[in-house]
Amino acid sequence: MSMDPSASLEDFLAAVREHFAASAHSTSETDPRVEASYMALADAFEIYEDALYTAYGEVTPFELFDDVEDDREDGDDYDEDDSDYRGPDDDTDDDSDDYYDDDDAYDGAVDADGAGTDR
């Protein structure tokens, strides 16, 4: 069964909003509304990504946390202790995997042929 990526996107965004609302109004660390919205968000994401790939051959740059955990259980060579990166404010990231250099941020300029320009 193939879904329309636009409809899947709207469902995904609704799930993001629901998860945010549940998280913002959580009554405890084990609030069942947060858990339910977390699972619904993960499901909506997978449906959206599948629809996006089926329609356009594109994927998102995201991985579900459970998928990462499954990879670890399957014996992949990732070890949390091997990572020196400690979050978005950490300046130890070597930037080797960045699409843009931090100091060369995309300014939105586009040539007439649709390609970006370098300023």
C-alpha atoms as a PDB file:
ATOM      1  CA  MET A   1       0.000   0.000   0.000  1.00  0.00           C
ATOM      2  CA  SER A   2       1.428   3.337  -1.040  1.00  0.00           C
ATOM      3  CA  MET A   3       0.518   6.533   0.793  1.00  0.00           C
ATOM      4  CA  ASP A   4       0.638  10.078  -0.462  1.00  0.00           C
ATOM      5  CA  PRO A   5       3.772  11.689   1.012  1.00  0.00           C
ATOM      6  CA  SER A   6       1.899  14.955   1.613  1.00  0.00           C
ATOM      7  CA  ALA A   7      -0.739  13.234   3.726  1.00  0.00           C
ATOM      8  CA  SER A   8       1.962  11.259   5.536  1.00  0.00           C
ATOM      9  CA  LEU A   9       3.837  14.491   6.245  1.00  0.00           C
ATOM     10  CA  GLU A  10       0.735  16.085   7.753  1.00  0.00           C
ATOM     11  CA  ASP A  11       0.174  13.012   9.942  1.00  0.00           C
ATOM     12  CA  PHE A  12       3.831  13.101  11.007  1.00  0.00           C
ATOM     13  CA  LEU A  13       3.656  16.803  11.909  1.00  0.00           C
ATOM     14  CA  ALA A  14       0.456  16.196  13.892  1.00  0.00           C
ATOM     15  CA  ALA A  15       2.275  13.427  15.783  1.00  0.00           C
ATOM     16  CA  VAL A  16       5.182  15.804  16.510  1.00  0.00           C
ATOM     17  CA  ARG A  17       2.744  18.367  17.905  1.00  0.00           C
ATOM     18  CA  GLU A  18       0.960  15.732  20.004  1.00  0.00           C
ATOM     19  CA  HIS A  19       4.255  14.480  21.428  1.00  0.00           C
ATOM     20  CA  PHE A  20       5.269  18.033  22.258  1.00  0.00           C
ATOM     21  CA  ALA A  21       1.965  18.694  24.025  1.00  0.00           C
ATOM     22  CA  ALA A  22       2.183  15.447  25.990  1.00  0.00           C
ATOM     23  CA  SER A  23       5.783  16.195  26.971  1.00  0.00           C
ATOM     24  CA  ALA A  24       5.012  19.772  27.966  1.00  0.00           C
ATOM     25  CA  HIS A  25       2.132  18.647  30.197  1.00  0.00           C
ATOM     26  CA  SER A  26       3.719  15.483  31.551  1.00  0.00           C
ATOM     27  CA  THR A  27       2.715  14.612  35.093  1.00  0.00           C
ATOM     28  CA  SER A  28       5.604  12.219  35.767  1.00  0.00           C
ATOM     29  CA  GLU A  29       8.611  10.538  34.169  1.00  0.00           C
ATOM     30  CA  THR A  30       6.381   7.575  33.356  1.00  0.00           C
ATOM     31  CA  ASP A  31       3.398   9.511  31.995  1.00  0.00           C
ATOM     32  CA  PRO A  32       1.540   7.090  29.694  1.00  0.00           C
ATOM     33  CA  ARG A  33       0.495   9.952  27.387  1.00  0.00           C
ATOM     34  CA  VAL A  34       4.147  10.699  26.632  1.00  0.00           C
ATOM     35  CA  GLU A  35       4.870   7.026  25.953  1.00  0.00           C
ATOM     36  CA  ALA A  36       1.822   6.701  23.680  1.00  0.00           C
ATOM     37  CA  SER A  37       2.650   9.871  21.762  1.00  0.00           C
ATOM     38  CA  TYR A  38       6.288   8.745  21.458  1.00  0.00           C
ATOM     39  CA  MET A  39       5.200   5.481  19.840  1.00  0.00           C
ATOM     40  CA  ALA A  40       2.690   7.275  17.589  1.00  0.00           C
ATOM     41  CA  LEU A  41       5.409   9.707  16.527  1.00  0.00           C
ATOM     42  CA  ALA A  42       7.802   6.869  15.674  1.00  0.00           C
ATOM     43  CA  ASP A  43       5.091   5.109  13.655  1.00  0.00           C
ATOM     44  CA  ALA A  44       4.129   8.300  11.811  1.00  0.00           C
ATOM     45  CA  PHE A  45       7.779   8.974  10.998  1.00  0.00           C
ATOM     46  CA  GLU A  46       8.273   5.506   9.513  1.00  0.00           C
ATOM     47  CA  ILE A  47       5.123   5.846   7.402  1.00  0.00           C
ATOM     48  CA  TYR A  48       6.228   9.285   6.170  1.00  0.00           C
ATOM     49  CA  GLU A  49       9.739   8.127   5.335  1.00  0.00           C
ATOM     50  CA  ASP A  50       8.407   5.081   3.491  1.00  0.00           C
ATOM     51  CA  ALA A  51       5.960   7.229   1.501  1.00  0.00           C
ATOM     52  CA  LEU A  52       8.711   9.752   0.700  1.00  0.00           C
ATOM     53  CA  TYR A  53      11.050   7.015  -0.492  1.00  0.00           C
ATOM     54  CA  THR A  54       8.358   5.236  -2.514  1.00  0.00           C
ATOM     55  CA  ALA A  55       7.236   8.421  -4.264  1.00  0.00           C
ATOM     56  CA  TYR A  56      10.537  10.247  -4.753  1.00  0.00           C
ATOM     57  CA  GLY A  57      13.407   7.927  -3.842  1.00  0.00           C
ATOM     58  CA  GLU A  58      14.363  10.247  -0.984  1.00  0.00           C
ATOM     59  CA  VAL A  59      14.997   9.621   2.706  1.00  0.00           C
ATOM     60  CA  THR A  60      15.312  11.828   5.758  1.00  0.00           C
ATOM     61  CA  PRO A  61      18.562  12.328   7.686  1.00  0.00           C
ATOM     62  CA  PHE A  62      16.997  10.826  10.827  1.00  0.00           C
ATOM     63  CA  GLU A  63      17.167   7.442  12.533  1.00  0.00           C
ATOM     64  CA  LEU A  64      14.729   6.226  15.142  1.00  0.00           C
ATOM     65  CA  PHE A  65      16.332   5.626  18.513  1.00  0.00           C
ATOM     66  CA  ASP A  66      14.996   2.057  18.600  1.00  0.00           C
ATOM     67  CA  ASP A  67      16.664   1.385  15.239  1.00  0.00           C
ATOM     68  CA  VAL A  68      19.995   2.591  16.619  1.00  0.00           C
ATOM     69  CA  GLU A  69      19.531   0.370  19.675  1.00  0.00           C
ATOM     70  CA  ASP A  70      18.668  -2.595  17.403  1.00  0.00           C
ATOM     71  CA  ASP A  71      21.867  -1.998  15.431  1.00  0.00           C
ATOM     72  CA  ARG A  72      23.874  -2.070  18.655  1.00  0.00           C
ATOM     73  CA  GLU A  73      22.211  -5.305  19.734  1.00  0.00           C
ATOM     74  CA  ASP A  74      23.024  -6.819  16.328  1.00  0.00           C
ATOM     75  CA  GLY A  75      26.716  -6.310  17.029  1.00  0.00           C
ATOM     76  CA  ASP A  76      27.439  -3.172  15.018  1.00  0.00           C
ATOM     77  CA  ASP A  77      30.701  -1.527  16.003  1.00  0.00           C
ATOM     78  CA  TYR A  78      29.265   1.587  17.644  1.00  0.00           C
ATOM     79  CA  ASP A  79      30.312   2.266  21.216  1.00  0.00           C
ATOM     80  CA  GLU A  80      29.016   5.333  23.053  1.00  0.00           C
ATOM     81  CA  ASP A  81      32.353   5.671  24.823  1.00  0.00           C
ATOM     82  CA  ASP A  82      34.100   6.010  21.445  1.00  0.00           C
ATOM     83  CA  SER A  83      32.319   9.280  20.703  1.00  0.00           C
ATOM     84  CA  ASP A  84      33.881  12.542  21.873  1.00  0.00           C
ATOM     85  CA  TYR A  85      30.892  14.564  20.661  1.00  0.00           C
ATOM     86  CA  ARG A  86      28.807  15.773  23.586  1.00  0.00           C
ATOM     87  CA  GLY A  87      25.958  17.695  21.926  1.00  0.00           C
ATOM     88  CA  PRO A  88      25.152  20.729  19.778  1.00  0.00           C
ATOM     89  CA  ASP A  89      27.213  23.119  21.923  1.00  0.00           C
ATOM     90  CA  ASP A  90      30.300  20.927  21.725  1.00  0.00           C
ATOM     91  CA  ASP A  91      33.041  22.478  19.586  1.00  0.00           C
ATOM     92  CA  THR A  92      35.026  19.231  19.315  1.00  0.00           C
ATOM     93  CA  ASP A  93      33.034  18.118  16.227  1.00  0.00           C
ATOM     94  CA  ASP A  94      35.581  17.878  13.416  1.00  0.00           C
ATOM     95  CA  ASP A  95      33.044  19.120  10.831  1.00  0.00           C
ATOM     96  CA  SER A  96      34.252  16.474   8.345  1.00  0.00           C
ATOM     97  CA  ASP A  97      30.682  15.276   7.878  1.00  0.00           C
ATOM     98  CA  ASP A  98      29.064  18.710   7.576  1.00  0.00           C
ATOM     99  CA  TYR A  99      27.433  19.614   4.271  1.00  0.00           C
ATOM    100  CA  TYR A 100      28.280  23.287   4.775  1.00  0.00           C
ATOM    101  CA  ASP A 101      31.153  24.707   6.756  1.00  0.00           C
ATOM    102  CA  ASP A 102      29.824  26.543   9.797  1.00  0.00           C
ATOM    103  CA  ASP A 103      31.363  29.802   8.605  1.00  0.00           C
ATOM    104  CA  ASP A 104      30.054  29.318   5.038  1.00  0.00           C
ATOM    105  CA  ALA A 105      26.362  29.085   5.865  1.00  0.00           C
ATOM    106  CA  TYR A 106      24.003  29.011   2.881  1.00  0.00           C
ATOM    107  CA  ASP A 107      22.705  32.510   2.231  1.00  0.00           C
ATOM    108  CA  GLY A 108      19.754  31.483   0.036  1.00  0.00           C
ATOM    109  CA  ALA A 109      21.091  32.988  -3.197  1.00  0.00           C
ATOM    110  CA  VAL A 110      20.160  31.051  -6.339  1.00  0.00           C
ATOM    111  CA  ASP A 111      21.367  31.403  -9.928  1.00  0.00           C
ATOM    112  CA  ALA A 112      18.902  31.662 -12.799  1.00  0.00           C
ATOM    113  CA  ASP A 113      19.512  27.965 -13.546  1.00  0.00           C
ATOM    114  CA  GLY A 114      18.442  27.057  -9.993  1.00  0.00           C
ATOM    115  CA  ALA A 115      21.929  26.285  -8.667  1.00  0.00           C
ATOM    116  CA  GLY A 116      23.200  28.020  -5.557  1.00  0.00           C
ATOM    117  CA  THR A 117      25.768  30.774  -5.916  1.00  0.00           C
ATOM    118  CA  ASP A 118      28.939  31.348  -3.987  1.00  0.00           C
ATOM    119  CA  ARG A 119      29.271  34.842  -2.650  1.00  0.00           C
END
